[in-house]
């Protein structure tokens, strides 16, 4: 039974990786994308941080390893999708991906496909909210007190909870 649960966890993790839908940011400037149903591969998403990334592979149900063509580990990707489906923003779940460097510090937070209002996400982006965790360790991210953005309180509160839970889960499974 435990093995079946682990296999299911790996499958869910890989499915989340393969179906990451990006709703909020372009590579360098966090411009809001208007088509939230656009789907990017995990590798395309990771390349917004690591240009030379050539693969993203599951290390376990949570940690996904980012490597370049030489096989050097560049960093890690963590998806909140398997852990936070019940965290609701303005219009539903707000899953996200944290992209980490080799030292396991956050390089970027990317929202996955969601039903939040593009106006709310734009507001979060323009206030620098989505960058609030950049440079933080997972321990810092798990306990960070990031202020919600007025006018997008439900969305920002849900994102904060996603980050906290995801960082906490990642610390447990290092």
C-alpha atoms as a PDB file:
ATOM      1  CA  UNK A   1       0.000   0.000   0.000  1.00  0.00           C
ATOM      2  CA  UNK A   2       2.857   2.407   0.844  1.00  0.00           C
ATOM      3  CA  UNK A   3       4.545   1.641  -2.480  1.00  0.00           C
ATOM      4  CA  UNK A   4       1.295   2.304  -4.355  1.00  0.00           C
ATOM      5  CA  UNK A   5       1.012   5.680  -2.546  1.00  0.00           C
ATOM      6  CA  UNK A   6       4.594   6.592  -3.463  1.00  0.00           C
ATOM      7  CA  UNK A   7       4.073   5.639  -7.094  1.00  0.00           C
ATOM      8  CA  UNK A   8       0.876   7.684  -7.207  1.00  0.00           C
ATOM      9  CA  UNK A   9       2.750  10.613  -5.669  1.00  0.00           C
ATOM     10  CA  UNK A  10       5.480  10.364  -8.322  1.00  0.00           C
ATOM     11  CA  UNK A  11       2.897  10.179 -11.087  1.00  0.00           C
ATOM     12  CA  UNK A  12       1.042  13.219  -9.718  1.00  0.00           C
ATOM     13  CA  UNK A  13       4.295  15.132  -9.405  1.00  0.00           C
ATOM     14  CA  UNK A  14       5.291  14.326 -12.974  1.00  0.00           C
ATOM     15  CA  UNK A  15       1.818  15.222 -14.231  1.00  0.00           C
ATOM     16  CA  UNK A  16       2.093  18.578 -12.473  1.00  0.00           C
ATOM     17  CA  UNK A  17       5.471  19.116 -14.086  1.00  0.00           C
ATOM     18  CA  UNK A  18       4.246  18.222 -17.548  1.00  0.00           C
ATOM     19  CA  UNK A  19       1.131  20.357 -17.349  1.00  0.00           C
ATOM     20  CA  UNK A  20       2.393  23.531 -15.738  1.00  0.00           C
ATOM     21  CA  UNK A  21       0.212  26.322 -17.060  1.00  0.00           C
ATOM     22  CA  UNK A  22       1.732  29.736 -16.560  1.00  0.00           C
ATOM     23  CA  UNK A  23      -0.684  32.538 -15.837  1.00  0.00           C
ATOM     24  CA  UNK A  24       1.291  35.467 -14.643  1.00  0.00           C
ATOM     25  CA  UNK A  25       4.768  36.193 -15.795  1.00  0.00           C
ATOM     26  CA  UNK A  26       7.116  36.418 -18.687  1.00  0.00           C
ATOM     27  CA  UNK A  27      10.811  35.822 -18.215  1.00  0.00           C
ATOM     28  CA  UNK A  28      12.418  38.986 -16.915  1.00  0.00           C
ATOM     29  CA  UNK A  29       9.778  41.586 -16.266  1.00  0.00           C
ATOM     30  CA  UNK A  30       6.763  39.789 -14.803  1.00  0.00           C
ATOM     31  CA  UNK A  31       4.358  41.031 -17.462  1.00  0.00           C
ATOM     32  CA  UNK A  32       0.908  39.601 -17.004  1.00  0.00           C
ATOM     33  CA  UNK A  33      -0.185  37.121 -19.616  1.00  0.00           C
ATOM     34  CA  UNK A  34      -3.731  37.576 -20.752  1.00  0.00           C
ATOM     35  CA  UNK A  35      -4.349  33.999 -21.845  1.00  0.00           C
ATOM     36  CA  UNK A  36      -4.387  32.050 -18.592  1.00  0.00           C
ATOM     37  CA  UNK A  37      -5.085  28.781 -20.368  1.00  0.00           C
ATOM     38  CA  UNK A  38      -1.724  28.910 -22.144  1.00  0.00           C
ATOM     39  CA  UNK A  39       0.283  25.847 -21.218  1.00  0.00           C
ATOM     40  CA  UNK A  40       4.071  25.753 -21.085  1.00  0.00           C
ATOM     41  CA  UNK A  41       6.245  22.771 -20.421  1.00  0.00           C
ATOM     42  CA  UNK A  42       8.194  22.593 -17.201  1.00  0.00           C
ATOM     43  CA  UNK A  43      11.393  23.152 -19.145  1.00  0.00           C
ATOM     44  CA  UNK A  44      10.108  26.350 -20.779  1.00  0.00           C
ATOM     45  CA  UNK A  45       9.102  27.668 -17.379  1.00  0.00           C
ATOM     46  CA  UNK A  46      12.463  26.791 -15.850  1.00  0.00           C
ATOM     47  CA  UNK A  47      14.292  28.449 -18.767  1.00  0.00           C
ATOM     48  CA  UNK A  48      12.870  31.788 -17.625  1.00  0.00           C
ATOM     49  CA  UNK A  49      15.396  31.482 -14.791  1.00  0.00           C
ATOM     50  CA  UNK A  50      18.047  29.090 -16.114  1.00  0.00           C
ATOM     51  CA  UNK A  51      18.586  29.767 -19.837  1.00  0.00           C
ATOM     52  CA  UNK A  52      20.886  26.764 -20.231  1.00  0.00           C
ATOM     53  CA  UNK A  53      18.518  24.243 -18.631  1.00  0.00           C
ATOM     54  CA  UNK A  54      17.966  21.154 -20.761  1.00  0.00           C
ATOM     55  CA  UNK A  55      15.991  18.911 -18.411  1.00  0.00           C
ATOM     56  CA  UNK A  56      13.670  18.864 -15.442  1.00  0.00           C
ATOM     57  CA  UNK A  57      13.356  15.467 -13.810  1.00  0.00           C
ATOM     58  CA  UNK A  58      11.506  14.263 -10.743  1.00  0.00           C
ATOM     59  CA  UNK A  59      13.770  13.620  -7.808  1.00  0.00           C
ATOM     60  CA  UNK A  60      10.793  12.595  -5.655  1.00  0.00           C
ATOM     61  CA  UNK A  61       7.148  13.637  -5.414  1.00  0.00           C
ATOM     62  CA  UNK A  62       8.106  17.220  -4.628  1.00  0.00           C
ATOM     63  CA  UNK A  63      11.659  18.009  -5.679  1.00  0.00           C
ATOM     64  CA  UNK A  64      12.352  18.264  -9.408  1.00  0.00           C
ATOM     65  CA  UNK A  65      15.971  18.586 -10.511  1.00  0.00           C
ATOM     66  CA  UNK A  66      16.961  21.134 -13.170  1.00  0.00           C
ATOM     67  CA  UNK A  67      20.068  20.213 -15.200  1.00  0.00           C
ATOM     68  CA  UNK A  68      22.024  21.593 -18.134  1.00  0.00           C
ATOM     69  CA  UNK A  69      23.404  19.686 -21.147  1.00  0.00           C
ATOM     70  CA  UNK A  70      26.535  18.673 -19.191  1.00  0.00           C
ATOM     71  CA  UNK A  71      24.383  17.095 -16.492  1.00  0.00           C
ATOM     72  CA  UNK A  72      25.228  19.781 -13.956  1.00  0.00           C
ATOM     73  CA  UNK A  73      22.444  20.500 -11.473  1.00  0.00           C
ATOM     74  CA  UNK A  74      21.416  24.140 -11.862  1.00  0.00           C
ATOM     75  CA  UNK A  75      18.634  24.155  -9.302  1.00  0.00           C
ATOM     76  CA  UNK A  76      15.285  22.737  -8.344  1.00  0.00           C
ATOM     77  CA  UNK A  77      11.593  23.245  -9.065  1.00  0.00           C
ATOM     78  CA  UNK A  78       8.778  22.666  -6.597  1.00  0.00           C
ATOM     79  CA  UNK A  79       5.092  22.636  -7.533  1.00  0.00           C
ATOM     80  CA  UNK A  80       2.386  23.349  -4.957  1.00  0.00           C
ATOM     81  CA  UNK A  81      -0.309  21.681  -7.064  1.00  0.00           C
ATOM     82  CA  UNK A  82      -0.306  18.329  -5.180  1.00  0.00           C
ATOM     83  CA  UNK A  83      -0.436  20.015  -1.752  1.00  0.00           C
ATOM     84  CA  UNK A  84      -2.577  23.118  -1.968  1.00  0.00           C
ATOM     85  CA  UNK A  85      -5.643  22.410  -4.090  1.00  0.00           C
ATOM     86  CA  UNK A  86      -7.894  23.536  -1.229  1.00  0.00           C
ATOM     87  CA  UNK A  87      -6.283  26.963  -0.878  1.00  0.00           C
ATOM     88  CA  UNK A  88      -8.687  29.284  -2.625  1.00  0.00           C
ATOM     89  CA  UNK A  89      -7.985  32.799  -3.847  1.00  0.00           C
ATOM     90  CA  UNK A  90     -10.625  35.055  -5.368  1.00  0.00           C
ATOM     91  CA  UNK A  91     -11.864  32.503  -7.922  1.00  0.00           C
ATOM     92  CA  UNK A  92     -10.330  29.179  -6.975  1.00  0.00           C
ATOM     93  CA  UNK A  93      -7.049  27.400  -6.323  1.00  0.00           C
ATOM     94  CA  UNK A  94      -3.827  29.340  -6.928  1.00  0.00           C
ATOM     95  CA  UNK A  95      -1.139  26.714  -7.551  1.00  0.00           C
ATOM     96  CA  UNK A  96       2.417  27.874  -8.067  1.00  0.00           C
ATOM     97  CA  UNK A  97       5.955  26.753  -8.761  1.00  0.00           C
ATOM     98  CA  UNK A  98       9.032  27.837  -6.860  1.00  0.00           C
ATOM     99  CA  UNK A  99      12.250  27.742  -8.849  1.00  0.00           C
ATOM    100  CA  UNK A 100      15.302  27.414  -6.613  1.00  0.00           C
ATOM    101  CA  UNK A 101      19.036  27.731  -7.158  1.00  0.00           C
ATOM    102  CA  UNK A 102      21.612  25.101  -6.108  1.00  0.00           C
ATOM    103  CA  UNK A 103      21.693  26.481  -2.584  1.00  0.00           C
ATOM    104  CA  UNK A 104      17.913  26.063  -2.399  1.00  0.00           C
ATOM    105  CA  UNK A 105      17.151  29.758  -2.359  1.00  0.00           C
ATOM    106  CA  UNK A 106      14.115  30.954  -4.270  1.00  0.00           C
ATOM    107  CA  UNK A 107      14.908  32.508  -7.642  1.00  0.00           C
ATOM    108  CA  UNK A 108      11.344  32.932  -8.860  1.00  0.00           C
ATOM    109  CA  UNK A 109       7.716  32.277  -7.991  1.00  0.00           C
ATOM    110  CA  UNK A 110       5.508  31.428 -10.966  1.00  0.00           C
ATOM    111  CA  UNK A 111       1.764  31.072 -10.775  1.00  0.00           C
ATOM    112  CA  UNK A 112       0.341  28.074 -12.546  1.00  0.00           C
ATOM    113  CA  UNK A 113      -2.897  28.098 -14.466  1.00  0.00           C
ATOM    114  CA  UNK A 114      -5.668  29.505 -12.283  1.00  0.00           C
ATOM    115  CA  UNK A 115      -8.921  31.431 -12.450  1.00  0.00           C
ATOM    116  CA  UNK A 116      -7.830  34.555 -10.609  1.00  0.00           C
ATOM    117  CA  UNK A 117      -8.736  37.868 -12.155  1.00  0.00           C
ATOM    118  CA  UNK A 118      -5.940  39.048 -14.480  1.00  0.00           C
ATOM    119  CA  UNK A 119      -6.399  42.491 -12.928  1.00  0.00           C
ATOM    120  CA  UNK A 120      -5.646  41.137  -9.460  1.00  0.00           C
ATOM    121  CA  UNK A 121      -2.569  39.248 -10.676  1.00  0.00           C
ATOM    122  CA  UNK A 122      -1.397  42.365 -12.512  1.00  0.00           C
ATOM    123  CA  UNK A 123      -1.789  44.350  -9.298  1.00  0.00           C
ATOM    124  CA  UNK A 124       0.252  41.775  -7.370  1.00  0.00           C
ATOM    125  CA  UNK A 125       2.944  41.856 -10.018  1.00  0.00           C
ATOM    126  CA  UNK A 126       3.129  45.638 -10.202  1.00  0.00           C
ATOM    127  CA  UNK A 127       3.464  45.860  -6.401  1.00  0.00           C
ATOM    128  CA  UNK A 128       6.390  43.397  -6.458  1.00  0.00           C
ATOM    129  CA  UNK A 129       4.401  40.874  -4.434  1.00  0.00           C
ATOM    130  CA  UNK A 130       5.432  37.907  -6.612  1.00  0.00           C
ATOM    131  CA  UNK A 131       9.098  38.813  -6.074  1.00  0.00           C
ATOM    132  CA  UNK A 132       8.757  38.983  -2.277  1.00  0.00           C
ATOM    133  CA  UNK A 133      10.275  35.533  -1.794  1.00  0.00           C
ATOM    134  CA  UNK A 134      13.176  35.898  -4.234  1.00  0.00           C
ATOM    135  CA  UNK A 135      16.492  35.179  -2.524  1.00  0.00           C
ATOM    136  CA  UNK A 136      14.883  33.577   0.528  1.00  0.00           C
ATOM    137  CA  UNK A 137      15.700  30.118   1.802  1.00  0.00           C
ATOM    138  CA  UNK A 138      12.876  27.619   2.153  1.00  0.00           C
ATOM    139  CA  UNK A 139      12.966  28.078   5.922  1.00  0.00           C
ATOM    140  CA  UNK A 140      12.577  31.841   5.499  1.00  0.00           C
ATOM    141  CA  UNK A 141       9.809  31.371   2.925  1.00  0.00           C
ATOM    142  CA  UNK A 142       7.888  28.982   5.183  1.00  0.00           C
ATOM    143  CA  UNK A 143       7.667  31.614   7.905  1.00  0.00           C
ATOM    144  CA  UNK A 144       7.761  34.865   5.882  1.00  0.00           C
ATOM    145  CA  UNK A 145       5.340  37.593   6.802  1.00  0.00           C
ATOM    146  CA  UNK A 146       4.655  39.105   3.384  1.00  0.00           C
ATOM    147  CA  UNK A 147       1.966  41.775   3.359  1.00  0.00           C
ATOM    148  CA  UNK A 148      -1.110  41.132   1.247  1.00  0.00           C
ATOM    149  CA  UNK A 149      -1.782  43.637  -1.513  1.00  0.00           C
ATOM    150  CA  UNK A 150      -4.845  45.791  -0.907  1.00  0.00           C
ATOM    151  CA  UNK A 151      -7.391  45.266  -3.652  1.00  0.00           C
ATOM    152  CA  UNK A 152      -6.113  41.726  -4.286  1.00  0.00           C
ATOM    153  CA  UNK A 153      -6.238  40.444  -0.726  1.00  0.00           C
ATOM    154  CA  UNK A 154      -7.797  37.039  -1.414  1.00  0.00           C
ATOM    155  CA  UNK A 155      -5.360  36.265  -4.230  1.00  0.00           C
ATOM    156  CA  UNK A 156      -2.305  37.420  -2.284  1.00  0.00           C
ATOM    157  CA  UNK A 157      -3.378  35.573   0.880  1.00  0.00           C
ATOM    158  CA  UNK A 158      -3.836  32.338  -1.090  1.00  0.00           C
ATOM    159  CA  UNK A 159      -0.426  32.725  -2.740  1.00  0.00           C
ATOM    160  CA  UNK A 160       1.203  33.350   0.651  1.00  0.00           C
ATOM    161  CA  UNK A 161      -0.391  30.170   2.028  1.00  0.00           C
ATOM    162  CA  UNK A 162       0.750  28.197  -1.031  1.00  0.00           C
ATOM    163  CA  UNK A 163       4.340  29.356  -0.576  1.00  0.00           C
ATOM    164  CA  UNK A 164       4.318  28.600   3.139  1.00  0.00           C
ATOM    165  CA  UNK A 165       2.893  25.097   2.747  1.00  0.00           C
ATOM    166  CA  UNK A 166       5.104  24.265  -0.225  1.00  0.00           C
ATOM    167  CA  UNK A 167       8.256  25.483   1.554  1.00  0.00           C
ATOM    168  CA  UNK A 168       7.303  23.539   4.698  1.00  0.00           C
ATOM    169  CA  UNK A 169       6.682  20.356   2.698  1.00  0.00           C
ATOM    170  CA  UNK A 170       9.986  20.789   0.863  1.00  0.00           C
ATOM    171  CA  UNK A 171      11.887  21.141   4.148  1.00  0.00           C
ATOM    172  CA  UNK A 172      10.380  17.855   5.325  1.00  0.00           C
ATOM    173  CA  UNK A 173      11.474  15.986   2.188  1.00  0.00           C
ATOM    174  CA  UNK A 174      14.927  17.468   1.573  1.00  0.00           C
END
